[in-house]
C-alpha atoms as a PDB file:
ATOM      1  CA  MET A   1    -103.265 168.718  -1.051  1.00  0.00           C
ATOM      2  CA  PRO A   2    -106.213 167.913   1.221  1.00  0.00           C
ATOM      3  CA  GLN A   3    -108.411 170.912   1.924  1.00  0.00           C
ATOM      4  CA  ARG A   4    -111.077 171.814   4.455  1.00  0.00           C
ATOM      5  CA  VAL A   5    -114.275 172.169   2.418  1.00  0.00           C
ATOM      6  CA  PHE A   6    -117.601 173.704   3.461  1.00  0.00           C
ATOM      7  CA  MET A   7    -120.363 172.023   1.462  1.00  0.00           C
ATOM      8  CA  LEU A   8    -123.867 173.263   0.602  1.00  0.00           C
ATOM      9  CA  GLY A   9    -126.614 171.222  -1.076  1.00  0.00           C
ATOM     10  CA  ALA A  10    -125.122 167.957   0.150  1.00  0.00           C
ATOM     11  CA  THR A  11    -128.368 165.973   0.479  1.00  0.00           C
ATOM     12  CA  GLY A  12    -129.384 166.176  -3.194  1.00  0.00           C
ATOM     13  CA  THR A  13    -128.331 163.307  -5.429  1.00  0.00           C
ATOM     14  CA  ILE A  14    -125.525 165.314  -7.025  1.00  0.00           C
ATOM     15  CA  GLY A  15    -124.584 166.766  -3.650  1.00  0.00           C
ATOM     16  CA  GLN A  16    -124.239 163.288  -2.147  1.00  0.00           C
ATOM     17  CA  ALA A  17    -122.070 162.175  -5.078  1.00  0.00           C
ATOM     18  CA  THR A  18    -119.925 165.308  -4.714  1.00  0.00           C
ATOM     19  CA  VAL A  19    -119.362 164.657  -1.003  1.00  0.00           C
ATOM     20  CA  ARG A  20    -118.198 161.136  -1.866  1.00  0.00           C
ATOM     21  CA  ALA A  21    -115.872 162.495  -4.571  1.00  0.00           C
ATOM     22  CA  LEU A  22    -114.356 165.052  -2.184  1.00  0.00           C
ATOM     23  CA  LEU A  23    -113.821 162.429   0.522  1.00  0.00           C
ATOM     24  CA  ARG A  24    -112.126 160.092  -1.977  1.00  0.00           C
ATOM     25  CA  ARG A  25    -109.629 162.865  -2.679  1.00  0.00           C
ATOM     26  CA  GLY A  26    -108.788 163.147   1.003  1.00  0.00           C
ATOM     27  CA  HIS A  27    -110.571 166.420   1.750  1.00  0.00           C
ATOM     28  CA  GLU A  28    -112.203 167.163   5.094  1.00  0.00           C
ATOM     29  CA  VAL A  29    -115.846 167.915   4.279  1.00  0.00           C
ATOM     30  CA  VAL A  30    -118.245 169.824   6.534  1.00  0.00           C
ATOM     31  CA  CYS A  31    -121.839 169.735   5.251  1.00  0.00           C
ATOM     32  CA  PHE A  32    -124.351 172.393   6.298  1.00  0.00           C
ATOM     33  CA  VAL A  33    -127.801 170.829   6.020  1.00  0.00           C
ATOM     34  CA  ARG A  34    -131.351 171.302   7.250  1.00  0.00           C
ATOM     35  CA  PRO A  35    -132.451 169.386  10.377  1.00  0.00           C
ATOM     36  CA  ARG A  36    -135.161 167.843   8.183  1.00  0.00           C
ATOM     37  CA  ALA A  37    -133.572 167.527   4.748  1.00  0.00           C
ATOM     38  CA  GLY A  38    -134.540 165.934   1.460  1.00  0.00           C
ATOM     39  CA  VAL A  39    -137.760 166.158  -0.549  1.00  0.00           C
ATOM     40  CA  GLY A  40    -140.555 167.285   1.745  1.00  0.00           C
ATOM     41  CA  GLY A  41    -138.207 167.245   4.744  1.00  0.00           C
ATOM     42  CA  ARG A  42    -138.348 163.453   4.933  1.00  0.00           C
ATOM     43  CA  LEU A  43    -134.747 162.964   6.072  1.00  0.00           C
ATOM     44  CA  GLN A  44    -134.097 163.155   9.787  1.00  0.00           C
ATOM     45  CA  ALA A  45    -130.617 163.711  11.203  1.00  0.00           C
ATOM     46  CA  HIS A  46    -129.735 159.999  11.374  1.00  0.00           C
ATOM     47  CA  ASP A  47    -130.872 159.527   7.745  1.00  0.00           C
ATOM     48  CA  THR A  48    -128.628 162.369   6.607  1.00  0.00           C
ATOM     49  CA  GLU A  49    -125.697 160.979   8.591  1.00  0.00           C
ATOM     50  CA  ARG A  50    -126.100 157.667   6.786  1.00  0.00           C
ATOM     51  CA  LEU A  51    -126.234 159.320   3.346  1.00  0.00           C
ATOM     52  CA  LEU A  52    -123.181 161.473   4.025  1.00  0.00           C
ATOM     53  CA  ALA A  53    -121.029 158.992   5.899  1.00  0.00           C
ATOM     54  CA  GLY A  54    -117.500 160.273   6.376  1.00  0.00           C
ATOM     55  CA  ALA A  55    -118.448 163.934   6.352  1.00  0.00           C
ATOM     56  CA  THR A  56    -119.063 166.202   9.344  1.00  0.00           C
ATOM     57  CA  LEU A  57    -122.664 167.417   9.551  1.00  0.00           C
ATOM     58  CA  ARG A  58    -123.840 170.739  10.914  1.00  0.00           C
ATOM     59  CA  PHE A  59    -127.513 171.649  11.002  1.00  0.00           C
ATOM     60  CA  GLY A  60    -129.113 175.017  10.355  1.00  0.00           C
ATOM     61  CA  ASP A  61    -130.868 177.303   7.887  1.00  0.00           C
ATOM     62  CA  VAL A  62    -128.944 178.287   4.772  1.00  0.00           C
ATOM     63  CA  CYS A  63    -131.273 181.269   4.274  1.00  0.00           C
ATOM     64  CA  ASP A  64    -130.315 182.727   7.680  1.00  0.00           C
ATOM     65  CA  PRO A  65    -126.895 184.441   7.759  1.00  0.00           C
ATOM     66  CA  VAL A  66    -126.731 184.118  11.563  1.00  0.00           C
ATOM     67  CA  SER A  67    -127.344 180.371  11.339  1.00  0.00           C
ATOM     68  CA  LEU A  68    -124.714 180.046   8.612  1.00  0.00           C
ATOM     69  CA  ALA A  69    -122.128 181.887  10.666  1.00  0.00           C
ATOM     70  CA  HIS A  70    -122.804 180.381  14.094  1.00  0.00           C
ATOM     71  CA  ALA A  71    -124.134 176.880  13.371  1.00  0.00           C
ATOM     72  CA  GLY A  72    -122.216 176.427  10.121  1.00  0.00           C
ATOM     73  CA  PHE A  73    -118.793 178.044   9.980  1.00  0.00           C
ATOM     74  CA  ARG A  74    -118.541 178.515  13.791  1.00  0.00           C
ATOM     75  CA  GLY A  75    -115.660 180.954  13.508  1.00  0.00           C
ATOM     76  CA  GLU A  76    -113.410 178.224  12.067  1.00  0.00           C
ATOM     77  CA  ARG A  77    -111.116 178.390   9.063  1.00  0.00           C
ATOM     78  CA  PHE A  78    -111.953 176.738   5.744  1.00  0.00           C
ATOM     79  CA  ASP A  79    -110.124 176.548   2.424  1.00  0.00           C
ATOM     80  CA  ALA A  80    -112.982 176.181  -0.031  1.00  0.00           C
ATOM     81  CA  LEU A  81    -116.744 176.477  -0.452  1.00  0.00           C
ATOM     82  CA  VAL A  82    -118.485 173.981  -2.742  1.00  0.00           C
ATOM     83  CA  SER A  83    -122.179 174.413  -3.525  1.00  0.00           C
ATOM     84  CA  CYS A  84    -124.654 172.058  -5.172  1.00  0.00           C
ATOM     85  CA  LEU A  85    -127.485 174.051  -3.593  1.00  0.00           C
ATOM     86  CA  ALA A  86    -130.444 174.917  -5.834  1.00  0.00           C
ATOM     87  CA  SER A  87    -134.067 175.955  -5.442  1.00  0.00           C
ATOM     88  CA  ARG A  88    -136.420 172.996  -5.386  1.00  0.00           C
ATOM     89  CA  THR A  89    -139.170 174.378  -7.597  1.00  0.00           C
ATOM     90  CA  GLY A  90    -137.664 177.202  -9.636  1.00  0.00           C
ATOM     91  CA  ALA A  91    -140.620 179.407  -8.659  1.00  0.00           C
ATOM     92  CA  PRO A  92    -139.501 183.064  -8.499  1.00  0.00           C
ATOM     93  CA  GLN A  93    -139.645 183.576  -4.724  1.00  0.00           C
ATOM     94  CA  ASN A  94    -137.895 180.287  -3.990  1.00  0.00           C
ATOM     95  CA  ALA A  95    -135.306 180.839  -6.725  1.00  0.00           C
ATOM     96  CA  TRP A  96    -134.262 184.295  -5.537  1.00  0.00           C
ATOM     97  CA  ALA A  97    -134.200 183.111  -1.912  1.00  0.00           C
ATOM     98  CA  ILE A  98    -131.984 180.067  -2.597  1.00  0.00           C
ATOM     99  CA  ASP A  99    -130.145 180.460  -5.903  1.00  0.00           C
ATOM    100  CA  HIS A 100    -129.252 184.071  -5.150  1.00  0.00           C
ATOM    101  CA  GLN A 101    -129.708 185.337  -1.581  1.00  0.00           C
ATOM    102  CA  ALA A 102    -128.710 182.192   0.324  1.00  0.00           C
ATOM    103  CA  HIS A 103    -125.584 181.951  -1.801  1.00  0.00           C
ATOM    104  CA  LEU A 104    -124.749 185.585  -1.079  1.00  0.00           C
ATOM    105  CA  HIS A 105    -125.018 184.870   2.654  1.00  0.00           C
ATOM    106  CA  ALA A 106    -122.815 181.795   2.279  1.00  0.00           C
ATOM    107  CA  LEU A 107    -120.237 183.683   0.223  1.00  0.00           C
ATOM    108  CA  ALA A 108    -119.969 186.436   2.841  1.00  0.00           C
ATOM    109  CA  ALA A 109    -119.624 183.907   5.679  1.00  0.00           C
ATOM    110  CA  ALA A 110    -117.059 181.928   3.698  1.00  0.00           C
ATOM    111  CA  GLN A 111    -114.909 184.995   3.126  1.00  0.00           C
ATOM    112  CA  GLN A 112    -114.989 185.674   6.870  1.00  0.00           C
ATOM    113  CA  ALA A 113    -113.815 182.076   7.391  1.00  0.00           C
ATOM    114  CA  GLY A 114    -110.778 182.582   5.156  1.00  0.00           C
ATOM    115  CA  VAL A 115    -112.112 180.704   2.152  1.00  0.00           C
ATOM    116  CA  THR A 116    -110.125 181.514  -0.984  1.00  0.00           C
ATOM    117  CA  GLN A 117    -111.940 179.350  -3.542  1.00  0.00           C
ATOM    118  CA  MET A 118    -115.509 178.447  -4.498  1.00  0.00           C
ATOM    119  CA  VAL A 119    -116.867 175.786  -6.849  1.00  0.00           C
ATOM    120  CA  LEU A 120    -120.465 176.470  -7.869  1.00  0.00           C
ATOM    121  CA  LEU A 121    -122.846 174.051  -9.549  1.00  0.00           C
ATOM    122  CA  SER A 122    -124.951 176.209 -11.868  1.00  0.00           C
ATOM    123  CA  ALA A 123    -126.912 175.162 -14.977  1.00  0.00           C
ATOM    124  CA  LEU A 124    -126.299 175.266 -18.710  1.00  0.00           C
ATOM    125  CA  CYS A 125    -129.712 176.793 -19.343  1.00  0.00           C
ATOM    126  CA  VAL A 126    -128.611 180.154 -17.876  1.00  0.00           C
ATOM    127  CA  GLN A 127    -126.959 180.920 -21.217  1.00  0.00           C
ATOM    128  CA  LYS A 128    -130.487 181.752 -22.448  1.00  0.00           C
ATOM    129  CA  PRO A 129    -132.138 183.205 -19.322  1.00  0.00           C
ATOM    130  CA  LEU A 130    -135.884 183.447 -19.834  1.00  0.00           C
ATOM    131  CA  LEU A 131    -136.959 182.235 -16.376  1.00  0.00           C
ATOM    132  CA  ALA A 132    -136.697 183.549 -12.831  1.00  0.00           C
ATOM    133  CA  PHE A 133    -134.418 180.799 -11.516  1.00  0.00           C
ATOM    134  CA  GLN A 134    -131.993 181.342 -14.401  1.00  0.00           C
ATOM    135  CA  GLN A 135    -131.829 185.059 -13.682  1.00  0.00           C
ATOM    136  CA  ALA A 136    -131.274 184.375  -9.980  1.00  0.00           C
ATOM    137  CA  LYS A 137    -128.419 181.999 -10.758  1.00  0.00           C
ATOM    138  CA  LEU A 138    -126.800 184.517 -13.104  1.00  0.00           C
ATOM    139  CA  ALA A 139    -127.055 187.260 -10.479  1.00  0.00           C
ATOM    140  CA  PHE A 140    -125.095 185.154  -8.005  1.00  0.00           C
ATOM    141  CA  GLU A 141    -122.601 184.061 -10.648  1.00  0.00           C
ATOM    142  CA  ALA A 142    -121.826 187.744 -11.223  1.00  0.00           C
ATOM    143  CA  ALA A 143    -121.370 188.332  -7.484  1.00  0.00           C
ATOM    144  CA  LEU A 144    -119.015 185.350  -7.228  1.00  0.00           C
ATOM    145  CA  MET A 145    -116.915 186.534 -10.152  1.00  0.00           C
ATOM    146  CA  ASP A 146    -116.561 189.935  -8.433  1.00  0.00           C
ATOM    147  CA  SER A 147    -115.753 188.431  -5.012  1.00  0.00           C
ATOM    148  CA  GLY A 148    -111.988 188.168  -5.340  1.00  0.00           C
ATOM    149  CA  LEU A 149    -112.086 184.405  -4.705  1.00  0.00           C
ATOM    150  CA  ALA A 150    -110.755 181.852  -7.140  1.00  0.00           C
ATOM    151  CA  TRP A 151    -113.952 180.493  -8.699  1.00  0.00           C
ATOM    152  CA  SER A 152    -115.189 177.733 -10.974  1.00  0.00           C
ATOM    153  CA  ILE A 153    -118.762 177.893 -12.279  1.00  0.00           C
ATOM    154  CA  VAL A 154    -119.847 174.509 -13.617  1.00  0.00           C
ATOM    155  CA  ARG A 155    -122.847 174.482 -15.973  1.00  0.00           C
ATOM    156  CA  PRO A 156    -123.888 170.881 -16.698  1.00  0.00           C
ATOM    157  CA  THR A 157    -126.300 169.627 -19.299  1.00  0.00           C
ATOM    158  CA  ALA A 158    -129.230 167.291 -18.466  1.00  0.00           C
ATOM    159  CA  PHE A 159    -128.907 164.894 -15.521  1.00  0.00           C
ATOM    160  CA  PHE A 160    -129.811 161.216 -15.719  1.00  0.00           C
ATOM    161  CA  LYS A 161    -132.346 161.924 -12.964  1.00  0.00           C
ATOM    162  CA  SER A 162    -134.231 164.419 -15.095  1.00  0.00           C
ATOM    163  CA  LEU A 163    -134.476 161.880 -17.936  1.00  0.00           C
ATOM    164  CA  SER A 164    -135.821 159.027 -15.829  1.00  0.00           C
ATOM    165  CA  GLY A 165    -139.387 160.227 -15.300  1.00  0.00           C
ATOM    166  CA  GLN A 166    -140.994 157.967 -17.906  1.00  0.00           C
ATOM    167  CA  VAL A 167    -139.390 154.652 -16.962  1.00  0.00           C
ATOM    168  CA  GLU A 168    -142.352 153.257 -15.022  1.00  0.00           C
ATOM    169  CA  ARG A 169    -144.829 154.658 -17.537  1.00  0.00           C
ATOM    170  CA  VAL A 170    -143.143 152.844 -20.408  1.00  0.00           C
ATOM    171  CA  ARG A 171    -142.700 149.683 -18.340  1.00  0.00           C
ATOM    172  CA  ARG A 172    -146.504 149.609 -17.931  1.00  0.00           C
ATOM    173  CA  GLY A 173    -146.912 149.577 -21.721  1.00  0.00           C
ATOM    174  CA  LYS A 174    -147.699 153.250 -22.218  1.00  0.00           C
ATOM    175  CA  PRO A 175    -146.039 155.290 -24.990  1.00  0.00           C
ATOM    176  CA  PHE A 176    -143.019 157.499 -24.424  1.00  0.00           C
ATOM    177  CA  LEU A 177    -144.167 161.135 -24.532  1.00  0.00           C
ATOM    178  CA  ILE A 178    -142.319 163.534 -26.829  1.00  0.00           C
ATOM    179  CA  PHE A 179    -142.912 167.113 -27.857  1.00  0.00           C
ATOM    180  CA  GLY A 180    -143.401 167.575 -31.573  1.00  0.00           C
ATOM    181  CA  ASN A 181    -141.437 164.938 -33.454  1.00  0.00           C
ATOM    182  CA  GLY A 182    -139.089 164.321 -30.526  1.00  0.00           C
ATOM    183  CA  GLU A 183    -136.202 166.057 -32.255  1.00  0.00           C
ATOM    184  CA  LEU A 184    -136.806 169.634 -31.093  1.00  0.00           C
ATOM    185  CA  THR A 185    -134.057 169.389 -28.480  1.00  0.00           C
ATOM    186  CA  ALA A 186    -130.938 167.421 -27.619  1.00  0.00           C
ATOM    187  CA  CYS A 187    -128.569 167.085 -24.678  1.00  0.00           C
ATOM    188  CA  LYS A 188    -125.458 165.235 -23.518  1.00  0.00           C
ATOM    189  CA  PRO A 189    -126.736 163.507 -20.366  1.00  0.00           C
ATOM    190  CA  ILE A 190    -124.323 163.334 -17.439  1.00  0.00           C
ATOM    191  CA  SER A 191    -124.394 161.049 -14.406  1.00  0.00           C
ATOM    192  CA  ASP A 192    -124.214 162.222 -10.809  1.00  0.00           C
ATOM    193  CA  ASP A 193    -120.853 160.509 -10.247  1.00  0.00           C
ATOM    194  CA  ASP A 194    -119.219 161.857 -13.407  1.00  0.00           C
ATOM    195  CA  LEU A 195    -120.411 165.367 -12.599  1.00  0.00           C
ATOM    196  CA  ALA A 196    -119.283 165.005  -8.983  1.00  0.00           C
ATOM    197  CA  ASP A 197    -115.771 164.020 -10.066  1.00  0.00           C
ATOM    198  CA  TYR A 198    -115.661 167.034 -12.367  1.00  0.00           C
ATOM    199  CA  LEU A 199    -116.765 169.379  -9.560  1.00  0.00           C
ATOM    200  CA  ALA A 200    -114.286 167.936  -7.059  1.00  0.00           C
ATOM    201  CA  ASP A 201    -111.382 168.223  -9.493  1.00  0.00           C
ATOM    202  CA  CYS A 202    -112.074 171.934  -9.924  1.00  0.00           C
ATOM    203  CA  LEU A 203    -110.453 172.454  -6.524  1.00  0.00           C
ATOM    204  CA  HIS A 204    -106.995 171.390  -7.694  1.00  0.00           C
ATOM    205  CA  LEU A 205    -106.936 172.029 -11.445  1.00  0.00           C
ATOM    206  CA  PRO A 206    -105.758 175.624 -12.088  1.00  0.00           C
ATOM    207  CA  GLU A 207    -107.020 175.512 -15.679  1.00  0.00           C
ATOM    208  CA  ARG A 208    -110.576 175.362 -14.293  1.00  0.00           C
ATOM    209  CA  HIS A 209    -110.181 178.424 -12.075  1.00  0.00           C
ATOM    210  CA  HIS A 210    -111.821 181.724 -13.057  1.00  0.00           C
ATOM    211  CA  ARG A 211    -113.782 179.941 -15.759  1.00  0.00           C
ATOM    212  CA  ILE A 212    -117.371 179.175 -16.678  1.00  0.00           C
ATOM    213  CA  LEU A 213    -117.351 175.470 -17.455  1.00  0.00           C
ATOM    214  CA  PRO A 214    -120.160 173.930 -19.531  1.00  0.00           C
ATOM    215  CA  ILE A 215    -120.034 170.153 -19.350  1.00  0.00           C
ATOM    216  CA  GLY A 216    -121.906 167.115 -20.615  1.00  0.00           C
ATOM    217  CA  GLY A 217    -121.533 163.374 -20.352  1.00  0.00           C
ATOM    218  CA  PRO A 218    -119.802 160.990 -22.788  1.00  0.00           C
ATOM    219  CA  GLY A 219    -121.062 160.091 -26.226  1.00  0.00           C
ATOM    220  CA  PRO A 220    -123.094 161.993 -28.809  1.00  0.00           C
ATOM    221  CA  ALA A 221    -125.945 164.381 -28.057  1.00  0.00           C
ATOM    222  CA  LEU A 222    -129.297 162.610 -27.748  1.00  0.00           C
ATOM    223  CA  THR A 223    -132.699 163.877 -28.849  1.00  0.00           C
ATOM    224  CA  ALA A 224    -135.818 163.059 -26.825  1.00  0.00           C
ATOM    225  CA  ARG A 225    -136.758 160.406 -29.385  1.00  0.00           C
ATOM    226  CA  GLN A 226    -133.340 158.790 -29.095  1.00  0.00           C
ATOM    227  CA  GLN A 227    -133.654 158.790 -25.294  1.00  0.00           C
ATOM    228  CA  GLY A 228    -136.968 156.973 -25.658  1.00  0.00           C
ATOM    229  CA  GLU A 229    -135.438 154.440 -28.026  1.00  0.00           C
ATOM    230  CA  LEU A 230    -132.699 153.708 -25.481  1.00  0.00           C
ATOM    231  CA  LEU A 231    -135.318 153.117 -22.796  1.00  0.00           C
ATOM    232  CA  PHE A 232    -137.364 150.762 -24.978  1.00  0.00           C
ATOM    233  CA  ALA A 233    -134.178 148.864 -25.862  1.00  0.00           C
ATOM    234  CA  ALA A 234    -133.323 148.466 -22.172  1.00  0.00           C
ATOM    235  CA  LEU A 235    -136.822 147.113 -21.523  1.00  0.00           C
ATOM    236  CA  GLY A 236    -136.725 144.832 -24.580  1.00  0.00           C
ATOM    237  CA  MET A 237    -139.850 146.498 -25.984  1.00  0.00           C
ATOM    238  CA  ALA A 238    -140.744 147.884 -29.393  1.00  0.00           C
ATOM    239  CA  PRO A 239    -140.648 151.714 -29.420  1.00  0.00           C
ATOM    240  CA  LYS A 240    -144.003 153.456 -29.068  1.00  0.00           C
ATOM    241  CA  PHE A 241    -144.235 157.246 -28.964  1.00  0.00           C
ATOM    242  CA  LYS A 242    -146.986 159.795 -28.403  1.00  0.00           C
ATOM    243  CA  SER A 243    -146.496 163.376 -29.579  1.00  0.00           C
ATOM    244  CA  VAL A 244    -147.609 166.268 -27.386  1.00  0.00           C
ATOM    245  CA  PRO A 245    -148.018 169.620 -29.186  1.00  0.00           C
ATOM    246  CA  VAL A 246    -146.011 172.485 -27.718  1.00  0.00           C
ATOM    247  CA  GLY A 247    -149.116 174.627 -28.171  1.00  0.00           C
ATOM    248  CA  LEU A 248    -150.800 172.636 -25.407  1.00  0.00           C
ATOM    249  CA  MET A 249    -148.133 173.866 -22.995  1.00  0.00           C
ATOM    250  CA  ASP A 250    -148.781 177.431 -24.125  1.00  0.00           C
ATOM    251  CA  LEU A 251    -152.490 177.018 -23.393  1.00  0.00           C
ATOM    252  CA  ILE A 252    -151.775 175.628 -19.928  1.00  0.00           C
ATOM    253  CA  ILE A 253    -149.370 178.475 -19.181  1.00  0.00           C
ATOM    254  CA  ALA A 254    -151.860 181.123 -20.317  1.00  0.00           C
ATOM    255  CA  THR A 255    -154.659 179.604 -18.226  1.00  0.00           C
ATOM    256  CA  LEU A 256    -152.562 179.260 -15.067  1.00  0.00           C
ATOM    257  CA  THR A 257    -151.129 182.763 -15.487  1.00  0.00           C
ATOM    258  CA  THR A 258    -154.626 184.237 -15.654  1.00  0.00           C
ATOM    259  CA  LEU A 259    -155.847 182.256 -12.639  1.00  0.00           C
ATOM    260  CA  GLY A 260    -152.629 183.028 -10.781  1.00  0.00           C
ATOM    261  CA  ARG A 261    -153.574 186.691 -10.573  1.00  0.00           C
ATOM    262  CA  VAL A 262    -156.075 185.743  -7.876  1.00  0.00           C
ATOM    263  CA  ALA A 263    -154.489 182.516  -6.573  1.00  0.00           C
ATOM    264  CA  PRO A 264    -150.715 182.733  -5.894  1.00  0.00           C
ATOM    265  CA  ARG A 265    -150.455 178.932  -5.753  1.00  0.00           C
ATOM    266  CA  LEU A 266    -151.537 178.777  -9.391  1.00  0.00           C
ATOM    267  CA  ALA A 267    -149.011 181.472 -10.299  1.00  0.00           C
ATOM    268  CA  ASP A 268    -146.265 179.124  -9.063  1.00  0.00           C
ATOM    269  CA  LYS A 269    -147.746 176.323 -11.164  1.00  0.00           C
ATOM    270  CA  ALA A 270    -147.669 178.646 -14.174  1.00  0.00           C
ATOM    271  CA  GLU A 271    -143.941 179.153 -13.596  1.00  0.00           C
ATOM    272  CA  LEU A 272    -143.432 175.389 -13.380  1.00  0.00           C
ATOM    273  CA  ALA A 273    -145.253 175.053 -16.689  1.00  0.00           C
ATOM    274  CA  ARG A 274    -142.965 177.705 -18.213  1.00  0.00           C
ATOM    275  CA  ILE A 275    -139.952 175.740 -16.985  1.00  0.00           C
ATOM    276  CA  GLY A 276    -141.377 172.585 -18.529  1.00  0.00           C
ATOM    277  CA  ARG A 277    -141.942 174.353 -21.830  1.00  0.00           C
ATOM    278  CA  TYR A 278    -138.408 175.722 -21.764  1.00  0.00           C
ATOM    279  CA  TYR A 279    -136.908 172.250 -21.451  1.00  0.00           C
ATOM    280  CA  ALA A 280    -139.291 170.961 -24.125  1.00  0.00           C
ATOM    281  CA  THR A 281    -138.076 173.505 -26.672  1.00  0.00           C
ATOM    282  CA  GLU A 282    -134.487 174.436 -25.732  1.00  0.00           C
ATOM    283  CA  SER A 283    -131.539 172.068 -26.079  1.00  0.00           C
ATOM    284  CA  MET A 284    -129.165 171.578 -23.157  1.00  0.00           C
ATOM    285  CA  LEU A 285    -126.117 172.185 -25.332  1.00  0.00           C
ATOM    286  CA  VAL A 286    -123.697 175.084 -25.636  1.00  0.00           C
ATOM    287  CA  LEU A 287    -124.882 177.971 -27.783  1.00  0.00           C
ATOM    288  CA  ASN A 288    -122.245 178.438 -30.477  1.00  0.00           C
ATOM    289  CA  PRO A 289    -121.389 182.178 -30.442  1.00  0.00           C
ATOM    290  CA  LEU A 290    -120.564 182.075 -34.152  1.00  0.00           C
ATOM    291  CA  THR A 291    -123.866 180.551 -35.276  1.00  0.00           C
ATOM    292  CA  GLY A 292    -126.219 181.380 -32.407  1.00  0.00           C
ATOM    293  CA  CYS A 293    -127.350 177.717 -32.486  1.00  0.00           C
ATOM    294  CA  TYR A 294    -127.071 174.891 -29.971  1.00  0.00           C
ATOM    295  CA  ASP A 295    -124.003 172.930 -30.978  1.00  0.00           C
ATOM    296  CA  PRO A 296    -122.995 169.487 -29.679  1.00  0.00           C
ATOM    297  CA  THR A 297    -119.527 169.860 -31.207  1.00  0.00           C
ATOM    298  CA  VAL A 298    -118.644 172.719 -28.842  1.00  0.00           C
ATOM    299  CA  THR A 299    -120.287 171.099 -25.793  1.00  0.00           C
ATOM    300  CA  PRO A 300    -117.498 169.453 -23.748  1.00  0.00           C
ATOM    301  CA  SER A 301    -117.868 165.902 -22.438  1.00  0.00           C
ATOM    302  CA  THR A 302    -116.541 164.110 -19.384  1.00  0.00           C
ATOM    303  CA  GLY A 303    -116.859 160.779 -17.611  1.00  0.00           C
ATOM    304  CA  SER A 304    -117.736 157.273 -18.703  1.00  0.00           C
ATOM    305  CA  GLN A 305    -121.323 156.572 -17.620  1.00  0.00           C
ATOM    306  CA  THR A 306    -123.903 156.635 -20.419  1.00  0.00           C
ATOM    307  CA  LEU A 307    -127.662 157.044 -20.339  1.00  0.00           C
ATOM    308  CA  ALA A 308    -128.069 153.649 -22.009  1.00  0.00           C
ATOM    309  CA  ASN A 309    -126.162 151.985 -19.145  1.00  0.00           C
ATOM    310  CA  PHE A 310    -128.222 153.916 -16.589  1.00  0.00           C
ATOM    311  CA  TYR A 311    -131.512 152.806 -18.147  1.00  0.00           C
ATOM    312  CA  SER A 312    -130.277 149.206 -18.176  1.00  0.00           C
ATOM    313  CA  MET A 313    -129.396 149.397 -14.466  1.00  0.00           C
ATOM    314  CA  LEU A 314    -132.778 150.940 -13.653  1.00  0.00           C
ATOM    315  CA  VAL A 315    -134.611 148.204 -15.522  1.00  0.00           C
ATOM    316  CA  THR A 316    -132.663 145.394 -13.828  1.00  0.00           C
ATOM    317  CA  GLY A 317    -132.895 146.991 -10.389  1.00  0.00           C
ATOM    318  CA  ALA A 318    -129.136 147.491 -10.116  1.00  0.00           C
ATOM    319  CA  VAL A 319    -129.896 151.113  -9.176  1.00  0.00           C
ATOM    320  CA  GLN A 320    -133.025 152.619  -7.689  1.00  0.00           C
ATOM    321  CA  SER A 321    -135.105 155.158  -9.564  1.00  0.00           C
ATOM    322  CA  PRO A 322    -133.914 158.562  -8.335  1.00  0.00           C
ATOM    323  CA  GLU A 323    -136.204 160.741  -6.240  1.00  0.00           C
ATOM    324  CA  ARG A 324    -137.211 163.609  -8.541  1.00  0.00           C
ATOM    325  CA  GLY A 325    -139.309 165.573  -6.035  1.00  0.00           C
ATOM    326  CA  ASP A 326    -140.728 168.818  -7.364  1.00  0.00           C
ATOM    327  CA  HIS A 327    -139.018 168.197 -10.698  1.00  0.00           C
ATOM    328  CA  ALA A 328    -141.242 165.208 -11.394  1.00  0.00           C
ATOM    329  CA  VAL A 329    -143.443 167.701 -13.236  1.00  0.00           C
ATOM    330  CA  PHE A 330    -140.904 167.505 -16.109  1.00  0.00           C
END
């Protein structure tokens, strides 16, 4: 049955895909967005309207509970809250403000609006929470599970967007950068559209309610070296790799942490470096509770779009290279 859905995080690439998926299913979608959205606030209202055609847009500040209530929900009734909202940098202050506090404000406003269900886009990496943004996400997950709403917490593996940062570098003849031997980590990459369909279907599939749902894309898990090989194949080039020692990341982190004690801007950069190191050394696969190891065999898959197809479309210009914003550091 069509539902009235209040949507957060709609202007991100996965958010846009999720809005499209919800509209295809006949839902009425109201998106609460910033007046100047996108990376660096580049999107003006007419740009956002074009990206989210078919949805109703309301403008305000997701960090302000008054704005959420009055500019967002407006005293109206809604059936469901769907959130693809996430902090842009993962720096501690930003993470706790967005991944935790803004979601708490939205949850409270949603309950006042009669919402009975929430679908939350989280992250698979919270299963091993060593970083501030992971802890902030887990804190809100706990609040959602205690809210009394029907909930679905979706924890995807790596996005195609996050694995596209070296396309232009390799196209220019430079080597594909890997940490160690390129086999330290693996993931099951998932496309925006496949993930969006999975999120949208959580609204009407009872078996996904009151569950934490790890999810990856189709096909086998891919190491960093295998991802590079796929990119070289798409470009019709012989593979060429350059190994970066993980110890170099540790040195950068230590230096920035020390300097960050007197320069807060450098403290944020130190956190970004920690995030980069995390993804360089931890697989985006489910941790098998029996073995304590990352295990592709217990990491569910969905969809049909593969990373190899995505690289081919990038190379031919069939799709544009996604805007990675603050995450270009990875």
